[in-house]
Amino acid sequence: MLLVLCLLLGACSSGTRGTGVPTAAPPSPVRMDPTYPESDRVASSAEAVRVSSFRVFVPNTSLANDENLTDAFVLGPGGGVVFDYPLTREPLSSVRMNYIEVYEAPWTEKTDPLTWYKKQVAAAPSPGMMLTNIQGLPAVEITPNVTVVTAGTPSVDANPAFLRFVLDGTEIQIAGGDDLDALVQIAESLIAGSNS
């Protein structure tokens, strides 16, 4: 549920999607998300798919795939699935998540995603949360590293890029780094995989 915390705690603002160009060398490896219990760790994305109680989608793009998967978790019985991947380039500025995380869980809201997301965006604590779509699916995005003004003083918040959508009954949240276009590319690979 780490990604939901970005929605609740991260100050965000509208802006333009990142256009960063990958550097020749990826950032040095780091321990990904230490907030998940070690007992929930699984050895591979295939194991996560096998033991999950809902349909799980695995990214297959140069940014996120089985070869660069750094951590995978199945969060308890009926819980979500988490896949962590390294960034392919250093963020252009400071960001709270220096890795990419794909979180998946069953969609449990009593309404359709578009209606729910419209309500979420309307009630957003920050104007950076925007309704969008990915290949026709309604989605919510949050622009990274936005400028917030507190007591008249502007400052840059280190919130990561964030994307949320529902695919065939599975809610997917992708977060990390400062390149929203990279997250969209990962989302598109998940959608493509759902058709195979």
Foldseek 3Di string as FASTA:
>chain_A
DVQVVCQVPNAFAADDFDDDDFDPAFDDDDDADPPADPVFWDDFVVVLCVPEPDHDFAFDDPQGHGVFWDTWGARPHQGKIKTKGAGRHAFPDAAPGRTKMKIKHFDDDPDDPVVVLVVSCVPGPYNQWDWDAQPPWIKIWGAAQDWDADPNDIDTTRYWIWMWTDDPRMIIIMTHGHGNVVVSSRVVRRNVRVVD
